[in-house]
Protein backbone atom coordinates (compact mmCIF):
# COMPACT_ATOMS: atom_id res chain seq x y z
CA MET A 1 1.35 -10.83 -20.58
CA ALA A 2 3.30 -7.87 -21.88
CA VAL A 3 6.86 -6.65 -22.17
CA ASP A 4 7.53 -3.14 -20.91
CA ASP A 5 10.07 -2.06 -23.50
CA ALA A 6 9.53 1.66 -23.81
CA GLY A 7 10.70 4.51 -21.65
CA PRO A 8 8.91 7.83 -21.22
CA ASP A 9 10.74 9.28 -24.25
CA GLY A 10 10.62 6.22 -26.48
CA PRO A 11 12.49 2.91 -26.67
CA LEU A 12 15.15 2.23 -24.07
CA PRO A 13 18.82 1.96 -25.10
CA LEU A 14 19.88 -1.43 -26.39
CA ARG A 15 22.50 -1.93 -23.67
CA ARG A 16 20.10 -3.52 -21.20
CA ARG A 17 21.05 -5.71 -18.28
CA GLY A 18 18.39 -8.19 -19.27
CA THR A 19 14.74 -8.96 -18.76
CA LEU A 20 13.09 -9.55 -15.40
CA GLY A 21 9.74 -11.23 -14.84
CA VAL A 22 6.90 -9.92 -12.72
CA ILE A 23 3.95 -11.99 -11.52
CA ALA A 24 0.88 -9.90 -10.71
CA THR A 25 -2.55 -10.88 -9.44
CA GLY A 26 -5.78 -8.92 -9.40
CA ALA A 27 -5.46 -5.16 -8.87
CA SER A 28 -1.68 -5.41 -8.54
CA ALA A 29 -1.51 -5.89 -12.33
CA SER A 30 -2.17 -2.17 -12.83
CA GLY A 31 -1.43 -0.71 -9.40
CA PRO A 32 1.18 1.68 -8.01
CA VAL A 33 3.58 -1.09 -6.91
CA LEU A 34 3.99 -2.20 -10.51
CA HIS A 35 4.36 1.43 -11.60
CA GLY A 36 7.19 1.88 -9.10
CA LEU A 37 8.91 -1.23 -10.44
CA ARG A 38 8.62 0.03 -14.00
CA VAL A 39 10.17 3.38 -13.12
CA ALA A 40 13.04 1.66 -11.29
CA ALA A 41 13.54 -0.77 -14.18
CA ARG A 42 13.84 2.07 -16.69
CA GLU A 43 16.44 3.76 -14.49
CA GLN A 44 18.50 0.58 -14.34
CA GLU A 45 17.94 -0.43 -17.97
CA TYR A 46 16.02 -3.60 -17.27
CA ALA A 47 13.08 -4.74 -19.34
CA LEU A 48 10.07 -6.11 -17.47
CA SER A 49 7.87 -8.93 -18.65
CA VAL A 50 4.64 -8.87 -16.66
CA PHE A 51 2.60 -12.06 -16.30
CA SER A 52 -0.84 -11.46 -14.82
CA VAL A 53 -2.71 -14.39 -13.28
CA SER A 54 -6.42 -14.29 -12.56
CA GLY A 55 -6.31 -16.43 -9.43
CA ARG A 56 -4.04 -16.96 -6.45
CA SER A 57 -3.81 -20.74 -6.65
CA GLY A 58 -0.43 -22.41 -6.53
CA ALA A 59 -1.03 -23.99 -9.94
CA ALA A 60 -1.72 -20.61 -11.58
CA VAL A 61 1.39 -19.03 -10.09
CA LEU A 62 3.58 -21.99 -11.01
CA ALA A 63 2.27 -21.74 -14.58
CA ALA A 64 3.24 -18.06 -14.60
CA VAL A 65 6.76 -18.93 -13.45
CA ALA A 66 7.05 -21.55 -16.18
CA GLY A 67 5.87 -19.06 -18.81
CA LEU A 68 8.40 -16.46 -17.72
CA GLN A 69 11.20 -19.04 -17.65
CA LEU A 70 10.41 -19.87 -21.28
CA GLN A 71 11.01 -16.19 -22.06
CA GLY A 72 14.46 -16.44 -20.51
CA VAL A 73 14.00 -13.92 -17.70
CA ALA A 74 16.91 -13.64 -15.27
CA GLY A 75 14.75 -13.44 -12.16
CA ILE A 76 11.16 -12.89 -11.04
CA VAL A 77 9.39 -10.42 -8.73
CA VAL A 78 6.14 -11.63 -7.15
CA LEU A 79 3.94 -8.63 -6.37
CA ASP A 80 1.82 -10.54 -3.85
CA GLY A 81 4.66 -11.69 -1.64
CA HIS A 82 2.64 -14.21 0.38
CA LEU A 83 2.39 -16.31 -2.80
CA LEU A 84 6.08 -17.17 -2.49
CA ALA A 85 5.13 -20.08 -0.24
CA GLU A 86 3.46 -21.64 -3.29
CA LEU A 87 6.75 -21.38 -5.18
CA ALA A 88 9.01 -23.18 -2.71
CA PRO A 89 9.45 -26.17 -5.07
CA VAL A 90 10.66 -23.93 -7.91
CA ALA A 91 14.40 -24.06 -8.44
CA GLY A 92 16.84 -22.57 -10.89
CA ILE A 93 15.58 -18.97 -10.93
CA PRO A 94 15.77 -16.21 -8.31
CA LEU A 95 12.38 -15.19 -6.88
CA VAL A 96 11.74 -12.22 -4.58
CA PRO A 97 8.66 -10.44 -3.22
CA ALA A 98 8.11 -6.79 -4.03
CA ALA A 99 9.41 -4.47 -1.32
CA SER A 100 6.76 -2.37 0.36
CA THR A 101 6.25 0.56 2.67
CA ASP A 102 6.47 -0.25 6.37
CA GLN A 103 2.70 -0.51 6.85
CA TYR A 104 2.92 -0.97 10.61
CA ALA A 105 5.14 2.06 11.14
CA GLY A 106 2.95 4.18 8.89
CA ALA A 107 -0.14 3.30 10.92
CA ARG A 108 1.72 4.16 14.12
CA GLN A 109 2.65 7.57 12.70
CA ALA A 110 -0.97 8.27 11.76
CA THR A 111 -2.30 7.24 15.17
CA GLU A 112 0.40 9.11 17.08
CA HIS A 113 -0.38 12.25 15.09
CA LEU A 114 -4.06 12.11 16.03
CA LEU A 115 -3.31 11.44 19.68
CA GLU A 116 -0.92 14.39 19.74
CA LEU A 117 -3.83 16.63 18.70
CA GLY A 118 -5.36 15.86 22.09
CA HIS A 119 -7.83 13.12 21.22
CA PRO A 120 -8.40 10.56 24.00
CA THR A 121 -8.58 7.80 21.40
CA VAL A 122 -8.62 7.17 17.65
CA TRP A 123 -11.21 5.14 15.75
CA HIS A 124 -10.12 2.94 12.87
CA LEU A 125 -11.73 2.40 9.49
CA GLY A 126 -10.01 -0.85 8.53
CA GLY A 127 -9.62 -2.72 5.27
CA PRO A 128 -10.66 -6.33 4.61
CA GLU A 129 -9.74 -8.47 7.61
CA GLU A 130 -8.10 -11.20 5.53
CA GLY A 131 -5.66 -8.81 3.82
CA PRO A 132 -2.07 -8.69 5.16
CA VAL A 133 -1.78 -4.95 4.46
CA ALA A 134 -5.01 -4.19 6.32
CA ARG A 135 -3.89 -6.36 9.23
CA ALA A 136 -0.52 -4.61 9.49
CA ARG A 137 -2.14 -1.17 9.50
CA GLU A 138 -4.71 -2.26 12.07
CA ARG A 139 -2.01 -3.72 14.30
CA GLY A 140 -0.01 -0.48 14.16
CA TRP A 141 -3.11 1.50 15.18
CA ARG A 142 -4.12 -0.89 17.96
CA GLU A 143 -0.69 -1.24 19.54
CA THR A 144 -0.14 2.52 19.48
CA LEU A 145 -3.37 3.07 21.40
CA GLU A 146 -2.45 0.34 23.88
CA ARG A 147 1.00 1.81 24.40
CA HIS A 148 -0.60 5.17 25.29
CA GLY A 149 -3.16 3.54 27.57
CA ALA A 150 -5.98 4.75 25.34
CA GLU A 151 -9.27 2.93 24.84
CA VAL A 152 -9.32 0.76 21.70
CA PRO A 153 -12.65 1.28 19.90
CA PRO A 154 -14.18 -1.48 17.77
CA VAL A 155 -12.88 -1.51 14.19
CA VAL A 156 -15.31 -0.35 11.52
CA ARG A 157 -14.43 -2.25 8.37
CA GLY A 158 -14.60 -1.40 4.68
CA ASP A 159 -13.44 -2.96 1.41
CA TRP A 160 -10.99 -0.19 0.32
CA SER A 161 -13.67 1.61 -1.73
CA ALA A 162 -15.03 5.13 -1.16
CA ARG A 163 -18.52 3.63 -1.03
CA SER A 164 -17.61 1.41 1.91
CA GLY A 165 -15.99 4.40 3.59
CA PHE A 166 -19.22 6.35 3.19
CA ARG A 167 -21.21 3.56 4.83
CA ALA A 168 -18.70 3.37 7.66
CA GLY A 169 -18.92 7.13 8.07
CA GLN A 170 -22.69 6.92 8.39
CA SER A 171 -22.31 4.51 11.30
CA LEU A 172 -19.52 6.48 12.96
CA ALA A 173 -21.42 9.77 12.69
CA VAL A 174 -24.06 8.49 15.15
CA GLU A 175 -21.46 7.21 17.64
CA SER A 176 -20.67 9.48 20.58
CA GLY A 177 -17.13 10.71 21.01
CA VAL A 178 -15.83 10.11 17.49
CA GLY A 179 -13.31 12.91 17.14
CA ALA A 180 -10.46 11.22 15.28
CA VAL A 181 -10.44 8.49 12.62
CA PHE A 182 -7.51 6.72 11.00
CA SER A 183 -8.65 5.25 7.70
CA ALA A 184 -6.66 2.34 6.27
CA ASN A 185 -6.64 3.99 2.85
CA ASP A 186 -7.42 7.31 1.21
CA HIS A 187 -10.42 6.19 -0.83
CA MET A 188 -12.30 5.02 2.25
CA ALA A 189 -11.34 8.29 3.95
CA LEU A 190 -12.94 10.18 1.05
CA GLY A 191 -16.23 8.36 1.59
CA LEU A 192 -15.95 8.80 5.35
CA VAL A 193 -15.56 12.58 5.10
CA ALA A 194 -18.51 12.78 2.69
CA ALA A 195 -20.72 10.83 5.12
CA PHE A 196 -19.64 13.07 8.00
CA ALA A 197 -20.55 16.16 5.95
CA GLU A 198 -23.96 14.73 5.11
CA ALA A 199 -24.53 14.14 8.85
CA GLY A 200 -23.55 17.74 9.67
CA MET A 201 -20.03 16.93 10.91
CA ARG A 202 -17.35 19.08 9.34
CA VAL A 203 -13.75 17.94 9.01
CA PRO A 204 -11.59 19.24 10.65
CA ARG A 205 -13.94 21.34 12.81
CA ASP A 206 -15.78 18.38 14.35
CA ALA A 207 -13.39 15.50 13.64
CA HIS A 208 -9.91 14.84 12.32
CA VAL A 209 -9.28 12.24 9.64
CA VAL A 210 -6.03 10.63 8.43
CA GLY A 211 -5.75 8.25 5.48
CA PHE A 212 -3.04 6.01 4.03
CA ASP A 213 -1.38 5.84 0.57
CA ASP A 214 -1.31 9.51 -0.51
CA VAL A 215 -3.10 8.87 -3.77
CA PRO A 216 -2.64 11.73 -6.29
CA GLU A 217 -6.13 13.06 -5.54
CA ALA A 218 -5.61 13.25 -1.76
CA ALA A 219 -4.28 16.83 -1.89
CA TYR A 220 -7.49 17.89 -3.65
CA PHE A 221 -10.04 16.27 -1.35
CA ALA A 222 -12.34 18.64 0.52
CA PRO A 223 -10.59 19.20 2.85
CA PRO A 224 -7.14 18.11 1.62
CA LEU A 225 -6.35 14.84 3.32
CA THR A 226 -3.63 14.16 5.86
CA THR A 227 -2.26 10.75 4.90
CA VAL A 228 0.68 8.35 5.02
CA ARG A 229 2.70 8.49 1.81
CA GLN A 230 4.11 5.36 0.21
CA ASP A 231 7.20 5.81 -1.98
CA TYR A 232 6.55 3.17 -4.62
CA VAL A 233 9.56 4.12 -6.72
CA ALA A 234 11.91 3.67 -3.74
CA ALA A 235 10.26 0.31 -3.09
CA GLY A 236 10.78 -0.62 -6.73
CA ARG A 237 14.46 0.26 -6.52
CA ARG A 238 14.90 -1.83 -3.39
CA THR A 239 13.10 -4.77 -5.01
CA LEU A 240 15.32 -4.69 -8.09
CA ALA A 241 18.46 -4.32 -5.95
CA THR A 242 17.45 -7.43 -3.99
CA LEU A 243 16.71 -9.39 -7.15
CA ALA A 244 19.95 -8.29 -8.83
CA ALA A 245 21.91 -9.52 -5.81
CA ARG A 246 20.10 -12.86 -5.92
CA ILE A 247 20.86 -13.17 -9.64
CA ASP A 248 24.54 -12.59 -8.81
CA GLY A 249 24.39 -15.36 -6.21
CA ILE A 250 24.49 -13.07 -3.18
CA ALA A 251 22.27 -14.21 -0.32
CA VAL A 252 20.42 -11.09 0.82
CA PRO A 253 17.17 -10.86 2.81
CA ALA A 254 14.14 -11.05 0.53
CA TRP A 255 11.78 -8.85 2.52
CA GLY A 256 12.54 -5.14 2.27
CA THR A 257 10.57 -2.13 3.43
CA VAL A 258 10.84 1.59 2.82
CA GLU A 259 10.03 4.27 5.35
CA ALA A 260 6.50 5.67 5.49
CA GLU A 261 6.02 9.46 5.55
CA LEU A 262 3.16 11.29 7.24
CA VAL A 263 1.92 14.18 5.08
CA VAL A 264 -0.10 16.66 7.17
CA ARG A 265 -2.88 18.55 5.40
CA GLU A 266 -6.09 20.31 6.38
CA SER A 267 -8.09 17.25 7.50
CA SER A 268 -6.05 17.19 10.69
CA ARG A 269 -4.27 20.52 10.74
CA CYS A 270 -6.88 22.66 12.55
CA LEU A 271 -7.69 22.20 16.19
CA LYS A 272 -10.95 20.33 16.72
CA GLY A 273 -13.72 22.78 17.55
CA ALA A 274 -11.96 25.72 15.89
């Protein structure tokens, strides 16, 4: 548990609007969603008190809420929004999920882009099946193919890591007709491209690859990766705007999304076979 009370150039001004709580679990405790919230909070002169819980049980999350209430926070952001169901009995403090990029729309953009390059279909390197983000991205890919009347290949699944992407790439490299792959995140795409290279398949000469997230390293992959960019700072601003409205007693929708942006780079820029 820590209080974020310093800006990039030192302590924030004393005229703050108050302190907001954040409940994080697992990787979200140090991930880009929390970074976006911190940037937005500095802009709006809020302090953030981050409570990290090791598990996703209702008891652990309720304990986090109680701890933040003892600190006198004005409202709470829950980074893993599906945990809000565990907090239904909590009263007396505004609770909102963190806003996110429109995962479904981003996956549709990625798939449409690959189809527009002339591919008859697009393979998908998916994330863990139980994850809501992975499911949304997979659904966007699948429904885009169906809408175009394209064949829907079986999903090859990874665990978000480059290593799992490499293993998936090894299996895809021996499949016939794999000319385009939409990877559910950039790190798996990195492993995928490495496995293709090891098998003698060059990207983009022999296959096109698109990732998701636009991690800072994506522009420096070999080749630079086409990917779907998530604007975490915009999501942070939307989250804080929603929470501020709730604190003021204004009933606004809790779930907010920001637009995804396709960033085209070399992994899909050249025509296949060029």
